[in-house]
Amino acid sequence: MTSNQPHIAFLGIGLMGAPMTRNLLDAGFPMTLWNRTASKCDPFAGEATIAETPADAVREADVVITMLENGDVVEDVLVGQGTIEALKSGALVIDMSSVQPSLARRHAELAREQGAGYVDAPVSGGTVGAVEARLSIMAGGSEADVGRARPVFEAMGKCTRIGPVGAGQLAKLANQAIVGITIGAVSEALLLAAKGGADPAAVREALMGGFAGSRILELHGQRMIERDFAPGAPARIQLKDLRMILDEARSEGLTLPLSQQVHNGYLSLVANGHSDVDHSGLLLELEHLNGTLMGSLGRGPKE
């Protein structure tokens, strides 16, 4: 560990936060951790300080990272529990959660009043990207603040500065629109092929070499074929992101029909008891709607 590494307070040791913390520790950053369920910090107890409250975690931190489930939780942790007020002057807050752009701007202003910087830096890449330190990090903030954050980001993935505060969250909304719509498209395509008698695994393999090839077809298409819906990114989180997309669209006077349709699909999926399946589990809602299962082989009525 080098002596000039900034001290990081990491708030939120969940599915994403735990592997991100692992990579930061491996990169030599001194760390203080906090999580609402304290036991999730236990695997790191020999390498990091564990704080009882988020405010305690940040008092001596040079960099504060939040990786929390939604905007309401971020608001409670940063504002409701007095964490922003506990920041030392000159600290840098990096919110890597997915929240509303307007909330990011508000928190940036509150941080500024405490003499602290702020970057909104949501990520894409899921738990696999978090474990492998190859997250796509979408940063919103001043060039100076994003520059300060880059050495930290390099331990977790690749950062692109999108623009001022809030721009990172806008990029994440764009990402989630593409992800949600593409999961819907892959679900429909594979179910269509299977129902007609084609082997969905062979269809996926063939499509991977053509213009329809994508990371989602590669990874989530395989999940659908194997019916492996253990959560990497839970469906309830995808639904939350789609709600934010539609809210942002309304505030800008836009109508996004594809996002609306996919939102409705995830809403039904969650209402039918599948809130914690992986977001690739949208296939389950499509199967429910059609009263049929895709199966691992496309033995449809035409076989």
Protein backbone atom coordinates (compact mmCIF):
# COMPACT_ATOMS: atom_id res chain seq x y z
CA MET A 1 0.00 0.00 0.00
CA THR A 2 1.36 3.38 -0.93
CA SER A 3 1.19 6.23 1.54
CA ASN A 4 -0.23 8.75 -0.90
CA GLN A 5 -3.37 6.78 -1.79
CA PRO A 6 -6.59 8.62 -0.87
CA HIS A 7 -8.64 7.10 1.92
CA ILE A 8 -11.95 5.81 0.52
CA ALA A 9 -15.23 5.43 2.40
CA PHE A 10 -17.44 2.95 0.53
CA LEU A 11 -21.14 2.95 1.40
CA GLY A 12 -23.14 -0.02 0.13
CA ILE A 13 -21.54 -3.47 0.14
CA GLY A 14 -24.06 -5.36 -1.99
CA LEU A 15 -24.00 -7.41 -5.20
CA MET A 16 -22.02 -4.68 -6.96
CA GLY A 17 -20.37 -2.96 -4.04
CA ALA A 18 -18.65 -6.05 -2.66
CA PRO A 19 -16.57 -6.88 -5.78
CA MET A 20 -15.87 -3.18 -6.34
CA THR A 21 -14.55 -2.97 -2.78
CA ARG A 22 -12.43 -6.06 -3.39
CA ASN A 23 -10.79 -4.45 -6.41
CA LEU A 24 -10.15 -1.17 -4.60
CA LEU A 25 -8.53 -2.99 -1.69
CA ASP A 26 -6.42 -5.02 -4.10
CA ALA A 27 -5.31 -1.74 -5.70
CA GLY A 28 -3.98 -0.62 -2.32
CA PHE A 29 -6.54 1.97 -1.27
CA PRO A 30 -7.09 2.32 2.50
CA MET A 31 -10.83 1.95 3.07
CA THR A 32 -13.63 2.41 5.56
CA LEU A 33 -16.82 0.49 4.84
CA TRP A 34 -20.45 0.83 5.83
CA ASN A 35 -23.52 -1.16 4.92
CA ARG A 36 -27.03 -1.15 6.34
CA THR A 37 -26.71 -4.92 6.90
CA ALA A 38 -23.39 -4.81 8.71
CA SER A 39 -22.59 -8.49 8.19
CA LYS A 40 -21.97 -7.85 4.49
CA CYS A 41 -18.82 -5.99 5.50
CA ASP A 42 -17.46 -9.01 7.41
CA PRO A 43 -15.44 -10.49 4.51
CA PHE A 44 -13.33 -7.31 4.47
CA ALA A 45 -12.95 -6.83 8.24
CA GLY A 46 -9.28 -7.81 8.19
CA GLU A 47 -8.40 -5.29 5.49
CA ALA A 48 -10.66 -2.29 6.05
CA THR A 49 -12.22 -0.32 8.89
CA ILE A 50 -15.93 -1.04 9.45
CA ALA A 51 -18.04 1.93 10.49
CA GLU A 52 -21.29 1.81 12.46
CA THR A 53 -22.90 4.72 10.59
CA PRO A 54 -22.35 6.27 7.16
CA ALA A 55 -21.54 9.60 8.78
CA ASP A 56 -18.80 7.95 10.85
CA ALA A 57 -17.46 6.27 7.71
CA VAL A 58 -16.86 9.52 5.84
CA ARG A 59 -15.43 11.82 8.52
CA GLU A 60 -11.78 11.23 7.57
CA ALA A 61 -12.33 10.07 3.99
CA ASP A 62 -10.76 11.80 1.01
CA VAL A 63 -13.15 10.02 -1.36
CA VAL A 64 -16.68 8.81 -0.56
CA ILE A 65 -18.26 6.23 -2.88
CA THR A 66 -21.94 5.33 -2.66
CA MET A 67 -23.27 2.21 -4.39
CA LEU A 68 -26.87 1.96 -3.22
CA GLU A 69 -30.09 0.55 -4.62
CA ASN A 70 -32.03 3.65 -5.63
CA GLY A 71 -32.41 7.38 -5.24
CA ASP A 72 -34.52 7.14 -2.09
CA VAL A 73 -31.81 5.11 -0.35
CA VAL A 74 -29.06 7.48 -1.54
CA GLU A 75 -31.08 10.44 -0.25
CA ASP A 76 -31.56 8.78 3.12
CA VAL A 77 -27.91 7.81 3.49
CA LEU A 78 -26.38 11.07 2.28
CA VAL A 79 -28.93 13.54 3.63
CA GLY A 80 -31.26 11.80 6.08
CA GLN A 81 -28.39 10.26 8.07
CA GLY A 82 -26.24 13.38 8.00
CA THR A 83 -23.46 11.97 5.86
CA ILE A 84 -22.96 15.00 3.63
CA GLU A 85 -22.77 17.20 6.72
CA ALA A 86 -19.99 14.95 8.08
CA LEU A 87 -17.77 15.36 4.99
CA LYS A 88 -14.44 16.99 5.52
CA SER A 89 -13.64 19.99 3.37
CA GLY A 90 -11.98 18.98 0.12
CA ALA A 91 -13.49 15.49 0.05
CA LEU A 92 -14.90 14.08 -3.18
CA VAL A 93 -18.28 12.32 -3.27
CA ILE A 94 -18.71 9.77 -6.07
CA ASP A 95 -22.24 8.40 -6.36
CA MET A 96 -22.04 5.21 -8.42
CA SER A 97 -25.68 4.35 -7.81
CA SER A 98 -28.32 4.87 -10.49
CA VAL A 99 -30.45 7.84 -9.46
CA GLN A 100 -32.44 10.62 -11.07
CA PRO A 101 -30.25 13.27 -12.76
CA SER A 102 -32.07 15.96 -10.76
CA LEU A 103 -31.14 14.21 -7.49
CA ALA A 104 -27.50 14.03 -8.54
CA ARG A 105 -27.52 17.80 -9.15
CA ARG A 106 -29.11 18.43 -5.75
CA HIS A 107 -26.58 16.28 -3.93
CA ALA A 108 -23.76 18.01 -5.80
CA GLU A 109 -24.99 21.36 -4.53
CA LEU A 110 -25.20 20.06 -0.95
CA ALA A 111 -21.67 18.69 -1.23
CA ARG A 112 -20.45 22.01 -2.61
CA GLU A 113 -21.89 23.79 0.44
CA GLN A 114 -19.65 21.56 2.58
CA GLY A 115 -16.59 22.39 0.48
CA ALA A 116 -16.63 18.97 -1.21
CA GLY A 117 -16.61 17.91 -4.85
CA TYR A 118 -19.14 15.61 -6.47
CA VAL A 119 -19.23 13.20 -9.40
CA ASP A 120 -22.21 11.09 -10.46
CA ALA A 121 -20.73 7.90 -11.90
CA PRO A 122 -23.24 5.10 -12.53
CA VAL A 123 -21.91 1.93 -14.10
CA SER A 124 -22.75 -0.73 -16.64
CA GLY A 125 -21.35 -4.24 -16.77
CA GLY A 126 -23.24 -5.99 -14.00
CA THR A 127 -21.73 -8.22 -11.37
CA VAL A 128 -19.41 -9.87 -13.89
CA GLY A 129 -17.97 -6.49 -14.86
CA ALA A 130 -17.65 -5.55 -11.20
CA VAL A 131 -15.75 -8.74 -10.36
CA GLU A 132 -13.46 -8.45 -13.39
CA ALA A 133 -12.84 -4.70 -12.87
CA ARG A 134 -14.11 -3.83 -16.33
CA LEU A 135 -17.14 -1.72 -15.53
CA SER A 136 -18.14 1.02 -17.93
CA ILE A 137 -18.23 4.12 -15.73
CA MET A 138 -20.25 7.10 -16.95
CA ALA A 139 -19.11 10.20 -15.09
CA GLY A 140 -20.82 13.54 -14.69
CA GLY A 141 -18.93 16.37 -13.04
CA SER A 142 -16.32 19.03 -13.59
CA GLU A 143 -13.17 18.04 -15.44
CA ALA A 144 -11.22 18.63 -12.24
CA ASP A 145 -13.43 16.41 -10.08
CA VAL A 146 -13.57 13.62 -12.66
CA GLY A 147 -9.79 13.89 -12.97
CA ARG A 148 -9.43 13.42 -9.21
CA ALA A 149 -11.66 10.35 -9.42
CA ARG A 150 -9.85 8.66 -12.32
CA PRO A 151 -7.22 6.79 -10.25
CA VAL A 152 -10.07 5.32 -8.21
CA PHE A 153 -12.09 4.45 -11.31
CA GLU A 154 -9.10 2.70 -12.89
CA ALA A 155 -9.30 0.02 -10.19
CA MET A 156 -12.89 -0.77 -11.20
CA GLY A 157 -13.12 -0.28 -14.96
CA LYS A 158 -13.03 2.36 -17.66
CA CYS A 159 -14.36 5.88 -17.11
CA THR A 160 -15.82 8.20 -19.73
CA ARG A 161 -16.61 11.77 -18.72
CA ILE A 162 -20.05 12.51 -20.18
CA GLY A 163 -20.44 16.14 -19.13
CA PRO A 164 -21.46 18.18 -16.07
CA VAL A 165 -23.12 16.75 -12.97
CA GLY A 166 -26.19 14.72 -13.93
CA ALA A 167 -24.82 13.76 -17.33
CA GLY A 168 -23.53 10.45 -16.01
CA GLN A 169 -27.02 9.54 -14.87
CA LEU A 170 -28.43 10.53 -18.27
CA ALA A 171 -25.94 8.19 -19.93
CA LYS A 172 -26.99 5.39 -17.56
CA LEU A 173 -30.64 5.97 -18.48
CA ALA A 174 -29.67 5.68 -22.14
CA ASN A 175 -27.80 2.47 -21.34
CA GLN A 176 -30.75 0.99 -19.46
CA ALA A 177 -33.17 1.87 -22.25
CA ILE A 178 -31.00 -0.08 -24.70
CA VAL A 179 -30.52 -2.96 -22.24
CA GLY A 180 -34.20 -3.31 -21.38
CA ILE A 181 -35.43 -3.04 -24.96
CA THR A 182 -32.76 -5.46 -26.22
CA ILE A 183 -33.59 -8.03 -23.53
CA GLY A 184 -37.20 -7.80 -24.71
CA ALA A 185 -36.14 -8.26 -28.32
CA VAL A 186 -33.94 -11.27 -27.53
CA SER A 187 -36.75 -12.85 -25.49
CA GLU A 188 -39.25 -12.46 -28.32
CA ALA A 189 -36.82 -13.65 -30.99
CA LEU A 190 -35.79 -16.82 -29.18
CA LEU A 191 -39.35 -17.68 -28.16
CA LEU A 192 -40.54 -17.18 -31.74
CA ALA A 193 -37.81 -19.44 -33.09
CA ALA A 194 -38.38 -22.12 -30.46
CA LYS A 195 -42.14 -22.16 -30.90
CA GLY A 196 -41.70 -22.79 -34.61
CA GLY A 197 -39.44 -25.77 -33.94
CA ALA A 198 -35.94 -24.30 -34.09
CA ASP A 199 -33.32 -24.96 -31.44
CA PRO A 200 -32.95 -21.59 -29.65
CA ALA A 201 -29.34 -22.41 -28.77
CA ALA A 202 -28.51 -22.87 -32.46
CA VAL A 203 -30.44 -19.71 -33.34
CA ARG A 204 -28.47 -17.73 -30.77
CA GLU A 205 -25.20 -19.11 -32.11
CA ALA A 206 -26.11 -18.20 -35.68
CA LEU A 207 -27.27 -14.70 -34.77
CA MET A 208 -24.11 -14.00 -32.79
CA GLY A 209 -22.18 -13.94 -36.07
CA GLY A 210 -24.49 -11.46 -37.76
CA PHE A 211 -25.83 -7.92 -37.44
CA ALA A 212 -28.09 -8.92 -34.51
CA GLY A 213 -25.09 -9.99 -32.43
CA SER A 214 -24.78 -8.22 -29.09
CA ARG A 215 -23.46 -8.68 -25.57
CA ILE A 216 -27.04 -9.17 -24.41
CA LEU A 217 -27.70 -11.89 -26.99
CA GLU A 218 -24.41 -13.52 -25.97
CA LEU A 219 -24.85 -13.48 -22.20
CA HIS A 220 -28.57 -13.10 -21.54
CA GLY A 221 -29.57 -15.21 -24.50
CA GLN A 222 -27.54 -18.02 -22.95
CA ARG A 223 -29.19 -17.37 -19.57
CA MET A 224 -32.61 -17.72 -21.20
CA ILE A 225 -31.64 -20.99 -22.90
CA GLU A 226 -30.24 -22.40 -19.66
CA ARG A 227 -33.10 -20.87 -17.63
CA ASP A 228 -30.52 -19.44 -15.26
CA PHE A 229 -32.21 -16.41 -13.75
CA ALA A 230 -30.14 -16.04 -10.58
CA PRO A 231 -29.80 -12.28 -10.23
CA GLY A 232 -26.84 -10.39 -11.56
CA ALA A 233 -29.05 -7.33 -12.07
CA PRO A 234 -32.47 -7.97 -10.47
CA ALA A 235 -35.64 -7.28 -12.45
CA ARG A 236 -36.84 -4.81 -9.80
CA ILE A 237 -33.75 -2.68 -10.47
CA GLN A 238 -34.38 -2.74 -14.22
CA LEU A 239 -37.98 -1.68 -13.53
CA LYS A 240 -36.73 1.17 -11.33
CA ASP A 241 -34.41 2.34 -14.10
CA LEU A 242 -37.19 2.20 -16.70
CA ARG A 243 -39.40 4.30 -14.44
CA MET A 244 -36.63 6.87 -14.23
CA ILE A 245 -36.25 6.80 -18.03
CA LEU A 246 -39.95 7.53 -18.49
CA ASP A 247 -39.95 10.20 -15.79
CA GLU A 248 -36.98 11.94 -17.42
CA ALA A 249 -38.63 11.65 -20.83
CA ARG A 250 -41.83 13.26 -19.53
CA SER A 251 -39.85 16.09 -17.97
CA GLU A 252 -38.25 16.73 -21.38
CA GLY A 253 -41.55 16.46 -23.28
CA LEU A 254 -40.59 13.19 -24.97
CA THR A 255 -42.61 10.06 -25.69
CA LEU A 256 -40.61 6.81 -25.70
CA PRO A 257 -42.98 4.02 -26.80
CA LEU A 258 -40.44 1.17 -26.76
CA SER A 259 -39.26 2.05 -23.25
CA GLN A 260 -42.91 2.27 -22.16
CA GLN A 261 -43.71 -1.19 -23.50
CA VAL A 262 -40.67 -2.78 -21.88
CA HIS A 263 -41.49 -0.98 -18.63
CA ASN A 264 -44.94 -2.53 -18.71
CA GLY A 265 -43.41 -5.97 -19.23
CA TYR A 266 -41.11 -5.62 -16.23
CA LEU A 267 -43.97 -4.21 -14.17
CA SER A 268 -45.97 -7.38 -14.85
CA LEU A 269 -42.92 -9.58 -14.23
CA VAL A 270 -42.40 -8.03 -10.80
CA ALA A 271 -46.15 -8.09 -10.01
CA ASN A 272 -46.14 -11.82 -10.77
CA GLY A 273 -43.58 -12.46 -8.05
CA HIS A 274 -40.32 -12.28 -9.97
CA SER A 275 -38.80 -9.10 -8.56
CA ASP A 276 -35.50 -10.77 -7.69
CA VAL A 277 -34.89 -12.79 -10.84
CA ASP A 278 -32.22 -11.52 -13.20
CA HIS A 279 -33.47 -8.92 -15.66
CA SER A 280 -32.99 -11.48 -18.43
CA GLY A 281 -35.97 -13.17 -16.75
CA LEU A 282 -38.24 -10.91 -18.78
CA LEU A 283 -38.59 -14.08 -20.84
CA LEU A 284 -40.71 -15.47 -18.00
CA GLU A 285 -43.28 -12.72 -18.48
CA LEU A 286 -43.35 -13.31 -22.23
CA GLU A 287 -43.90 -17.02 -21.62
CA HIS A 288 -46.67 -16.23 -19.14
CA LEU A 289 -48.33 -13.91 -21.66
CA ASN A 290 -48.24 -16.61 -24.35
CA GLY A 291 -48.96 -19.62 -22.15
CA THR A 292 -45.88 -21.48 -23.40
CA LEU A 293 -42.32 -22.25 -22.36
CA MET A 294 -39.32 -21.74 -24.60
CA GLY A 295 -37.48 -24.75 -23.22
CA SER A 296 -33.87 -25.60 -23.93
CA LEU A 297 -34.76 -27.06 -27.33
CA GLY A 298 -37.27 -25.63 -29.80
CA ARG A 299 -39.67 -28.54 -29.98
CA GLY A 300 -42.66 -26.58 -31.23
CA PRO A 301 -45.80 -27.93 -32.87
CA LYS A 302 -44.18 -27.95 -36.31
CA GLU A 303 -41.57 -30.57 -35.37
